[in-house]
N, C-alpha and C. Protein backbone atom coordinates (compact mmCIF):
# COMPACT_ATOMS: atom_id res chain seq x y z
N MET A 1 105.59 74.61 68.59
CA MET A 1 104.91 75.76 68.90
C MET A 1 103.52 76.28 68.37
N SER A 2 102.84 76.69 69.17
CA SER A 2 101.40 77.14 68.84
C SER A 2 101.57 78.52 67.94
N GLY A 3 102.38 79.40 67.49
CA GLY A 3 102.44 80.45 66.66
C GLY A 3 103.32 81.39 67.39
N ARG A 4 103.60 82.54 66.65
CA ARG A 4 104.32 83.56 67.14
C ARG A 4 103.58 84.90 67.09
N VAL A 5 103.60 85.59 68.24
CA VAL A 5 102.82 86.54 68.75
C VAL A 5 103.74 87.92 69.08
N LEU A 6 103.79 89.08 68.27
CA LEU A 6 104.16 90.45 68.41
C LEU A 6 103.47 91.18 69.65
N VAL A 7 104.14 91.28 70.54
CA VAL A 7 103.30 92.03 71.88
C VAL A 7 103.86 93.44 71.75
N VAL A 8 102.78 94.29 71.81
CA VAL A 8 103.44 95.75 71.85
C VAL A 8 102.68 96.40 72.92
N ASP A 9 103.60 96.97 73.84
CA ASP A 9 103.09 97.57 74.93
C ASP A 9 104.49 98.62 75.68
N ASP A 10 103.99 99.68 76.08
CA ASP A 10 105.29 100.46 76.55
C ASP A 10 105.67 100.25 77.90
N ASP A 11 104.79 99.19 78.79
CA ASP A 11 105.03 99.05 80.03
C ASP A 11 105.87 97.64 79.97
N ARG A 12 107.17 97.77 80.44
CA ARG A 12 107.89 96.42 80.50
C ARG A 12 107.36 95.29 81.28
N VAL A 13 106.85 95.75 82.37
CA VAL A 13 106.12 94.58 83.31
C VAL A 13 104.93 93.97 82.39
N ILE A 14 103.97 94.67 81.78
CA ILE A 14 102.96 94.15 81.11
C ILE A 14 103.33 93.01 80.05
N ARG A 15 104.71 93.83 79.26
CA ARG A 15 105.08 92.91 78.12
C ARG A 15 105.62 91.54 78.84
N GLN A 16 106.37 91.63 79.87
CA GLN A 16 106.73 90.35 80.40
C GLN A 16 105.65 89.72 80.91
N LEU A 17 104.56 90.18 81.58
CA LEU A 17 103.67 89.27 81.91
C LEU A 17 102.73 88.45 80.80
N ILE A 18 102.63 89.48 79.88
CA ILE A 18 102.17 88.53 78.59
C ILE A 18 102.94 87.53 77.93
N ARG A 19 104.49 87.99 77.86
CA ARG A 19 105.08 86.83 77.35
C ARG A 19 105.18 85.69 78.16
N VAL A 20 105.30 85.82 79.21
CA VAL A 20 105.35 84.48 80.51
C VAL A 20 103.98 83.92 80.23
N ASN A 21 103.01 84.29 80.10
CA ASN A 21 101.63 83.61 80.17
C ASN A 21 101.44 82.93 78.78
N LEU A 22 102.01 83.37 77.69
CA LEU A 22 102.09 82.80 76.37
C LEU A 22 102.84 82.03 75.89
N GLU A 23 104.23 82.10 76.75
CA GLU A 23 105.11 81.06 76.36
C GLU A 23 105.05 79.88 76.94
N LEU A 24 104.23 79.96 78.29
CA LEU A 24 103.82 78.89 79.14
C LEU A 24 102.91 77.74 78.25
N GLU A 25 102.10 78.38 77.43
CA GLU A 25 101.42 77.84 76.36
C GLU A 25 101.72 77.45 75.04
N GLY A 26 103.21 77.67 75.10
CA GLY A 26 103.85 77.26 73.53
C GLY A 26 103.76 78.11 72.47
N PHE A 27 103.60 79.42 72.73
CA PHE A 27 103.53 80.42 71.99
C PHE A 27 105.01 81.07 71.91
N GLU A 28 105.46 81.37 70.81
CA GLU A 28 106.68 82.23 70.53
C GLU A 28 106.34 83.72 70.79
N VAL A 29 107.03 84.33 71.65
CA VAL A 29 106.69 85.65 71.76
C VAL A 29 107.81 86.72 71.46
N VAL A 30 107.70 87.90 70.76
CA VAL A 30 108.69 88.65 70.53
C VAL A 30 107.92 89.82 70.89
N THR A 31 108.62 90.98 71.42
CA THR A 31 108.05 92.33 71.96
C THR A 31 108.43 93.36 71.40
N ALA A 32 107.54 94.46 71.56
CA ALA A 32 108.03 95.90 71.15
C ALA A 32 107.73 97.00 72.03
N ALA A 33 107.97 97.90 72.11
CA ALA A 33 108.03 98.98 73.47
C ALA A 33 106.71 100.07 72.84
N ASP A 34 106.71 100.24 71.54
CA ASP A 34 105.61 101.06 71.05
C ASP A 34 105.24 100.65 69.45
N GLY A 35 104.58 101.53 68.87
CA GLY A 35 103.99 101.25 67.46
C GLY A 35 105.14 101.34 66.65
N LEU A 36 105.92 102.49 66.81
CA LEU A 36 106.99 102.81 66.05
C LEU A 36 108.10 101.17 65.81
N GLU A 37 108.44 100.82 67.01
CA GLU A 37 109.12 99.73 67.03
C GLU A 37 108.38 98.48 66.26
N CYS A 38 107.15 98.47 66.63
CA CYS A 38 106.38 97.13 66.10
C CYS A 38 106.33 97.41 64.52
N LEU A 39 106.21 98.68 63.96
CA LEU A 39 106.04 98.78 62.56
C LEU A 39 107.67 98.23 61.98
N ASP A 40 108.76 98.57 62.91
CA ASP A 40 110.19 98.10 62.60
C ASP A 40 110.29 96.91 62.37
N VAL A 41 110.00 96.06 63.28
CA VAL A 41 110.18 94.75 63.25
C VAL A 41 109.02 93.55 62.75
N VAL A 42 108.06 94.15 62.39
CA VAL A 42 106.79 93.23 62.03
C VAL A 42 107.25 92.52 61.17
N HIS A 43 108.00 93.15 59.68
CA HIS A 43 108.14 92.38 58.61
C HIS A 43 109.17 91.23 58.79
N GLY A 44 110.13 91.49 59.66
CA GLY A 44 111.24 90.27 60.18
C GLY A 44 110.55 89.29 60.86
N VAL A 45 109.65 89.50 62.20
CA VAL A 45 109.05 88.53 62.71
C VAL A 45 108.28 87.71 62.21
N ARG A 46 107.19 88.36 61.13
CA ARG A 46 106.39 87.69 60.48
C ARG A 46 105.50 87.03 61.53
N PRO A 47 104.91 87.35 62.67
CA PRO A 47 103.99 86.95 63.52
C PRO A 47 102.83 86.53 63.10
N ASP A 48 101.88 85.76 63.94
CA ASP A 48 100.74 85.26 63.52
C ASP A 48 99.62 85.75 64.33
N LEU A 49 100.02 86.66 65.07
CA LEU A 49 99.27 87.84 65.60
C LEU A 49 100.05 88.99 66.34
N VAL A 50 99.57 90.31 66.41
CA VAL A 50 99.95 91.37 67.06
C VAL A 50 98.98 91.75 68.26
N THR A 51 99.57 91.91 69.28
CA THR A 51 98.61 92.67 70.36
C THR A 51 99.21 93.91 70.73
N LEU A 52 98.31 95.10 70.98
CA LEU A 52 98.54 96.37 70.77
C LEU A 52 97.93 96.95 72.04
N ASP A 53 98.94 97.89 73.17
CA ASP A 53 98.06 98.58 74.22
C ASP A 53 97.95 99.71 73.13
N VAL A 54 96.80 100.64 73.64
CA VAL A 54 96.29 101.78 72.93
C VAL A 54 97.38 103.00 73.41
N ALA A 55 97.68 103.42 74.71
CA ALA A 55 98.23 104.40 75.11
C ALA A 55 99.89 104.19 75.08
N MET A 56 100.54 104.52 73.83
CA MET A 56 102.05 104.29 73.74
C MET A 56 102.49 105.84 73.36
N PRO A 57 103.94 105.62 73.74
CA PRO A 57 104.66 107.03 73.19
C PRO A 57 104.83 106.79 71.53
N ARG A 58 105.16 107.94 71.16
CA ARG A 58 105.37 107.87 69.56
C ARG A 58 104.55 107.39 68.63
N LEU A 59 104.02 106.30 68.47
CA LEU A 59 102.73 105.75 68.02
C LEU A 59 101.86 104.98 68.78
N ASP A 60 100.43 105.36 68.86
CA ASP A 60 99.62 104.70 69.66
C ASP A 60 99.22 103.38 69.05
N GLY A 61 98.55 102.58 69.72
CA GLY A 61 98.05 101.34 69.22
C GLY A 61 96.92 101.44 68.11
N LEU A 62 96.19 102.58 68.30
CA LEU A 62 94.90 102.59 67.27
C LEU A 62 95.65 102.73 65.91
N ARG A 63 96.64 103.83 65.73
CA ARG A 63 97.31 104.51 64.53
C ARG A 63 97.97 103.11 64.22
N THR A 64 98.79 102.21 65.16
CA THR A 64 99.49 101.44 64.60
C THR A 64 98.42 100.21 63.83
N ALA A 65 97.39 99.79 64.53
CA ALA A 65 96.68 99.03 63.94
C ALA A 65 96.20 99.34 62.52
N GLU A 66 95.91 100.69 62.22
CA GLU A 66 95.64 101.19 60.98
C GLU A 66 96.59 101.12 59.89
N ARG A 67 98.03 101.51 60.60
CA ARG A 67 99.07 101.28 59.76
C ARG A 67 99.18 99.74 58.99
N LEU A 68 99.19 98.71 60.15
CA LEU A 68 99.34 97.44 59.84
C LEU A 68 98.16 97.12 58.71
N ARG A 69 96.91 97.66 59.10
CA ARG A 69 95.67 97.34 57.98
C ARG A 69 95.80 97.92 56.92
N SER A 70 96.71 99.08 56.63
CA SER A 70 96.85 99.35 55.25
C SER A 70 97.85 99.22 54.63
N ASP A 71 99.05 98.18 55.24
CA ASP A 71 99.74 97.78 54.50
C ASP A 71 99.86 96.41 53.66
N PRO A 72 99.62 96.12 52.57
CA PRO A 72 99.29 94.68 51.97
C PRO A 72 100.01 93.45 52.66
N ARG A 73 101.44 93.88 52.91
CA ARG A 73 102.16 92.96 53.54
C ARG A 73 101.45 92.42 55.13
N THR A 74 101.07 93.25 55.64
CA THR A 74 100.54 93.00 57.05
C THR A 74 98.95 93.15 57.38
N ARG A 75 98.07 93.38 56.22
CA ARG A 75 96.64 93.49 56.67
C ARG A 75 95.98 92.08 56.96
N HIS A 76 96.69 90.97 56.80
CA HIS A 76 96.06 89.78 56.95
C HIS A 76 96.21 89.38 58.24
N ILE A 77 97.35 89.98 58.86
CA ILE A 77 97.71 89.48 60.35
C ILE A 77 96.64 89.93 61.38
N PRO A 78 95.97 88.98 62.08
CA PRO A 78 95.15 89.17 63.20
C PRO A 78 95.80 90.57 64.09
N VAL A 79 94.86 91.23 64.59
CA VAL A 79 95.33 92.42 65.81
C VAL A 79 94.48 92.49 66.73
N ALA A 80 94.94 92.50 68.09
CA ALA A 80 93.92 92.54 69.15
C ALA A 80 94.52 93.63 69.96
N ILE A 81 93.65 94.48 70.57
CA ILE A 81 94.05 95.49 71.67
C ILE A 81 94.09 94.72 73.05
N VAL A 82 95.01 95.46 73.77
CA VAL A 82 94.88 94.81 75.14
C VAL A 82 95.15 96.05 75.68
N SER A 83 94.26 96.41 76.21
CA SER A 83 94.38 97.88 77.09
C SER A 83 93.46 98.39 78.06
N GLY A 84 93.83 99.06 79.18
CA GLY A 84 93.09 99.49 80.18
C GLY A 84 92.25 100.68 79.55
N ARG A 85 92.33 101.26 78.70
CA ARG A 85 91.59 102.38 78.24
C ARG A 85 90.27 101.83 77.37
N THR A 86 89.20 102.01 78.17
CA THR A 86 87.96 101.45 77.51
C THR A 86 87.00 102.69 77.58
N PRO A 87 85.93 102.86 77.06
CA PRO A 87 85.75 102.39 75.49
C PRO A 87 86.88 102.78 74.57
N ILE A 88 87.08 101.96 73.74
CA ILE A 88 88.25 102.26 72.80
C ILE A 88 87.59 102.68 71.40
N ASP A 89 87.49 103.97 70.92
CA ASP A 89 86.87 104.52 69.64
C ASP A 89 88.08 104.92 68.92
N ALA A 90 88.05 104.90 67.54
CA ALA A 90 89.31 105.57 66.62
C ALA A 90 88.51 107.10 66.69
N GLU A 91 89.69 107.86 66.56
CA GLU A 91 89.42 109.35 66.59
C GLU A 91 88.06 109.79 65.66
N ASP A 92 87.95 109.18 64.60
CA ASP A 92 86.74 109.55 63.68
C ASP A 92 85.39 108.79 64.21
N GLY A 93 85.52 108.20 65.09
CA GLY A 93 84.21 107.58 65.80
C GLY A 93 83.63 106.03 65.22
N HIS A 94 84.94 105.59 64.57
CA HIS A 94 84.65 104.46 63.96
C HIS A 94 85.15 103.30 64.83
N GLU A 95 84.61 101.99 64.68
CA GLU A 95 85.45 101.13 65.66
C GLU A 95 86.98 100.63 64.99
N PRO A 96 88.01 100.61 65.99
CA PRO A 96 89.31 100.41 65.72
C PRO A 96 89.25 99.06 64.77
N PRO A 97 90.53 98.93 63.86
CA PRO A 97 90.51 98.14 62.69
C PRO A 97 91.43 96.78 63.44
N VAL A 98 90.56 96.32 64.55
CA VAL A 98 91.20 95.20 65.19
C VAL A 98 90.43 93.92 65.31
N ASP A 99 90.75 93.00 65.49
CA ASP A 99 89.71 91.72 65.41
C ASP A 99 89.25 91.20 66.96
N ALA A 100 90.03 91.87 67.94
CA ALA A 100 89.77 91.52 69.37
C ALA A 100 89.85 92.54 70.33
N LEU A 101 89.25 92.77 71.25
CA LEU A 101 89.88 93.81 72.48
C LEU A 101 89.76 93.05 73.77
N LEU A 102 90.73 93.16 74.43
CA LEU A 102 90.73 92.76 75.77
C LEU A 102 91.11 93.71 76.86
N ALA A 103 90.35 94.13 77.92
CA ALA A 103 90.59 95.00 78.77
C ALA A 103 91.51 94.73 79.89
N LYS A 104 92.44 95.54 80.37
CA LYS A 104 93.29 95.18 81.32
C LYS A 104 92.54 95.81 82.68
N PRO A 105 92.76 95.39 83.77
CA PRO A 105 93.32 94.13 84.04
C PRO A 105 92.61 92.79 83.49
N PHE A 106 93.39 92.06 83.02
CA PHE A 106 92.79 90.77 82.52
C PHE A 106 93.21 89.27 83.25
N GLU A 107 92.46 88.49 83.06
CA GLU A 107 92.85 86.79 83.88
C GLU A 107 93.73 86.39 82.33
N PRO A 108 94.89 85.69 83.06
CA PRO A 108 95.68 85.16 81.95
C PRO A 108 95.00 84.06 81.02
N SER A 109 94.14 83.31 81.73
CA SER A 109 93.30 82.36 80.87
C SER A 109 92.38 83.35 79.60
N GLU A 110 91.94 84.54 80.03
CA GLU A 110 91.23 85.34 78.90
C GLU A 110 92.20 85.30 78.07
N LEU A 111 93.41 85.86 78.15
CA LEU A 111 94.60 86.21 77.31
C LEU A 111 94.86 85.24 76.37
N VAL A 112 94.99 84.03 77.14
CA VAL A 112 95.61 82.78 76.25
C VAL A 112 94.31 82.28 75.28
N ARG A 113 93.14 82.51 75.86
CA ARG A 113 92.00 81.92 74.91
C ARG A 113 91.92 82.80 73.58
N MET A 114 91.99 83.97 73.99
CA MET A 114 91.84 85.13 72.56
C MET A 114 92.97 84.90 71.76
N VAL A 115 94.14 84.57 72.26
CA VAL A 115 95.31 84.53 71.41
C VAL A 115 95.10 83.17 70.56
N ARG A 116 94.73 82.30 71.32
CA ARG A 116 94.43 81.10 70.52
C ARG A 116 93.46 81.08 69.53
N GLN A 117 92.38 81.65 69.92
CA GLN A 117 91.45 81.82 68.88
C GLN A 117 91.75 82.77 67.35
N LEU A 118 92.73 83.80 67.86
CA LEU A 118 93.08 84.39 66.73
C LEU A 118 94.19 83.96 65.81
N THR A 119 95.08 82.89 66.46
CA THR A 119 95.93 82.37 65.74
C THR A 119 95.66 81.16 65.14
N GLN A 120 94.28 80.81 65.26
CA GLN A 120 94.05 79.42 64.74
C GLN A 120 92.80 79.99 63.69
N ARG A 121 92.76 81.12 62.99
CA ARG A 121 92.20 81.63 61.95
C ARG A 121 92.03 80.99 60.71
N PRO A 122 91.42 80.93 59.81
CA PRO A 122 91.65 80.33 58.44
C PRO A 122 92.69 81.43 57.87
N ASP A 123 93.69 80.79 57.00
CA ASP A 123 94.70 81.46 56.33
C ASP A 123 94.11 82.16 55.21
N SER A 124 93.11 83.10 55.22
CA SER A 124 92.50 83.63 54.12
C SER A 124 92.30 84.75 54.18
N ASP A 125 92.28 85.78 53.25
CA ASP A 125 91.96 87.23 53.55
C ASP A 125 90.40 87.58 53.53
N GLU A 126 89.56 86.51 53.20
CA GLU A 126 88.29 86.58 53.34
C GLU A 126 87.80 86.84 54.63
N GLY A 127 86.97 88.13 54.83
CA GLY A 127 86.38 88.31 56.29
C GLY A 127 87.39 88.92 57.15
N ARG A 128 88.33 89.35 56.62
CA ARG A 128 89.41 90.11 57.26
C ARG A 128 89.12 91.57 58.01
N PRO A 129 89.53 92.00 58.81
CA PRO A 129 88.81 93.54 59.07
C PRO A 129 89.31 94.33 57.92
N GLY A 130 87.93 95.42 57.70
CA GLY A 130 88.00 96.30 56.62
C GLY A 130 87.15 96.13 55.44
N ASP A 131 87.02 94.50 55.57
CA ASP A 131 86.18 94.14 54.60
C ASP A 131 84.34 94.58 55.20
N PRO A 132 83.75 95.11 54.30
CA PRO A 132 82.49 95.68 54.93
C PRO A 132 81.64 94.56 54.93
N ASP A 133 81.80 93.39 54.42
CA ASP A 133 80.83 92.22 54.84
C ASP A 133 81.31 91.19 55.90
N GLU A 134 82.39 91.86 56.42
CA GLU A 134 82.99 91.01 57.67
C GLU A 134 81.92 90.71 58.69
N GLN A 135 82.03 89.32 59.05
CA GLN A 135 80.98 88.96 60.25
C GLN A 135 81.91 88.12 61.28
N GLU A 136 81.64 88.37 62.46
CA GLU A 136 82.29 87.86 63.35
C GLU A 136 82.16 86.29 63.62
N PRO A 137 82.86 85.16 63.44
CA PRO A 137 82.53 83.94 63.49
C PRO A 137 82.33 83.62 64.96
N ALA A 138 81.39 82.75 65.14
CA ALA A 138 80.89 82.22 66.80
C ALA A 138 82.11 81.79 67.12
N GLY A 139 82.16 82.19 68.67
CA GLY A 139 83.35 81.53 69.36
C GLY A 139 84.30 82.82 69.51
N TRP A 140 84.45 83.64 68.67
CA TRP A 140 85.50 84.65 68.84
C TRP A 140 85.32 85.70 69.89
N PRO A 141 86.32 86.33 70.63
CA PRO A 141 86.19 87.06 71.97
C PRO A 141 85.22 88.34 71.13
N ALA A 142 84.51 88.65 72.29
CA ALA A 142 83.36 89.56 71.57
C ALA A 142 84.23 90.75 71.96
N ARG A 143 83.88 91.96 70.79
CA ARG A 143 84.58 93.24 70.89
C ARG A 143 84.01 94.18 72.29
N ARG A 144 85.07 94.61 72.74
CA ARG A 144 84.51 95.26 74.05
C ARG A 144 84.27 96.83 74.02
């Protein structure tokens, strides 16, 4: 296995599309339909990466990312936004607390490349989002 990914999107078809593409590349995939479900399962799933849509019922992707970052148990997990909503800005005007952004529609190869890069990160809390000295290493997906 290449790692475990928690895919969070309210669109069942998109969840399935992402699941199939990642499973074909050897990833284990767990899905959730919105941010609240993500927060309910993330501790039991212990993913290597969380992908979030932005526009979801109950709890949107940006607020979910903020909650993941504020929890000491999950702040180290890389988070990627996969959304058709661009540009993506937090309500307060700051960049969202995520490691990568991928715009829908996307090429499956772009998705796989992004997931591989984020799941192969060093297992250290240094340079994680929220760190004011954070610098994006070369080769990471550009924030869009």
